[in-house]
Amino acid sequence: MDLTGARWHKSTKSGGNGGNCVEVAGNLPGVVLVRDTKDRDGGVLVFTPAAWQGFVEFAREAACADK
């Protein structure tokens, strides 16, 4: 998969220390890419947009349940 056009971003809530962060690229057709900021040249996880949206919704609900 050619990733040269991927536009990576991380959460604005992420600290600037490069800690436990992931970057997401959602600009390529039909896929959402996720990588570790500590190893940008390492592996990339590939999700369908529907699977990624399901994960985000689950994480959001879980975070709200912990409050």
Protein backbone atom coordinates (compact mmCIF):
# COMPACT_ATOMS: atom_id res chain seq x y z
CA MET A 1 0.00 0.00 0.00
CA ASP A 2 1.37 3.39 -0.98
CA LEU A 3 1.27 5.66 2.10
CA THR A 4 3.10 8.67 0.63
CA GLY A 5 -0.12 10.70 0.42
CA ALA A 6 -1.20 9.98 4.00
CA ARG A 7 -1.73 13.10 6.10
CA TRP A 8 -1.01 12.09 9.69
CA HIS A 9 -2.38 13.86 12.77
CA LYS A 10 -2.61 13.17 16.48
CA SER A 11 -5.03 14.35 19.10
CA THR A 12 -4.81 17.94 20.28
CA LYS A 13 -5.05 16.45 23.79
CA SER A 14 -1.78 14.64 23.20
CA GLY A 15 1.20 16.06 25.05
CA GLY A 16 4.22 17.35 23.20
CA ASN A 17 6.58 14.86 24.81
CA GLY A 18 6.05 12.13 22.20
CA GLY A 19 4.70 9.76 24.84
CA ASN A 20 2.01 7.18 24.35
CA CYS A 21 0.41 8.63 21.24
CA VAL A 22 -0.89 7.35 17.96
CA GLU A 23 -1.29 9.22 14.70
CA VAL A 24 -4.23 8.71 12.37
CA ALA A 25 -4.51 9.31 8.64
CA GLY A 26 -8.03 9.28 7.25
CA ASN A 27 -7.51 11.03 3.94
CA LEU A 28 -6.86 7.98 1.73
CA PRO A 29 -9.89 6.40 0.04
CA GLY A 30 -11.45 3.44 1.83
CA VAL A 31 -8.96 3.16 4.69
CA VAL A 32 -8.02 4.72 8.02
CA LEU A 33 -4.37 4.29 8.99
CA VAL A 34 -2.98 4.26 12.54
CA ARG A 35 0.66 4.29 13.66
CA ASP A 36 2.69 4.73 16.84
CA THR A 37 4.39 8.13 17.19
CA LYS A 38 7.39 6.47 18.87
CA ASP A 39 8.02 4.32 15.77
CA ARG A 40 6.74 6.14 12.71
CA ASP A 41 8.71 3.85 10.40
CA GLY A 42 7.26 0.76 12.08
CA GLY A 43 4.03 -0.99 11.23
CA VAL A 44 0.80 0.69 10.27
CA LEU A 45 -2.62 -0.63 11.22
CA VAL A 46 -5.21 -0.43 8.43
CA PHE A 47 -8.92 -0.17 9.24
CA THR A 48 -12.02 0.28 7.15
CA PRO A 49 -13.71 3.59 7.93
CA ALA A 50 -16.65 1.71 9.48
CA ALA A 51 -14.37 -0.34 11.76
CA TRP A 52 -12.46 2.78 12.83
CA GLN A 53 -15.70 4.64 13.58
CA GLY A 54 -16.89 1.69 15.66
CA PHE A 55 -13.65 1.72 17.65
CA VAL A 56 -13.86 5.48 18.25
CA GLU A 57 -17.46 5.21 19.45
CA PHE A 58 -16.57 2.31 21.76
CA ALA A 59 -13.59 4.20 23.22
CA ARG A 60 -15.69 7.32 23.75
CA GLU A 61 -18.42 5.35 25.53
CA ALA A 62 -15.87 3.51 27.68
CA ALA A 63 -14.22 6.78 28.69
CA CYS A 64 -17.59 8.24 29.69
CA ALA A 65 -18.45 5.12 31.71
CA ASP A 66 -15.21 5.51 33.71
CA LYS A 67 -16.15 9.00 34.92
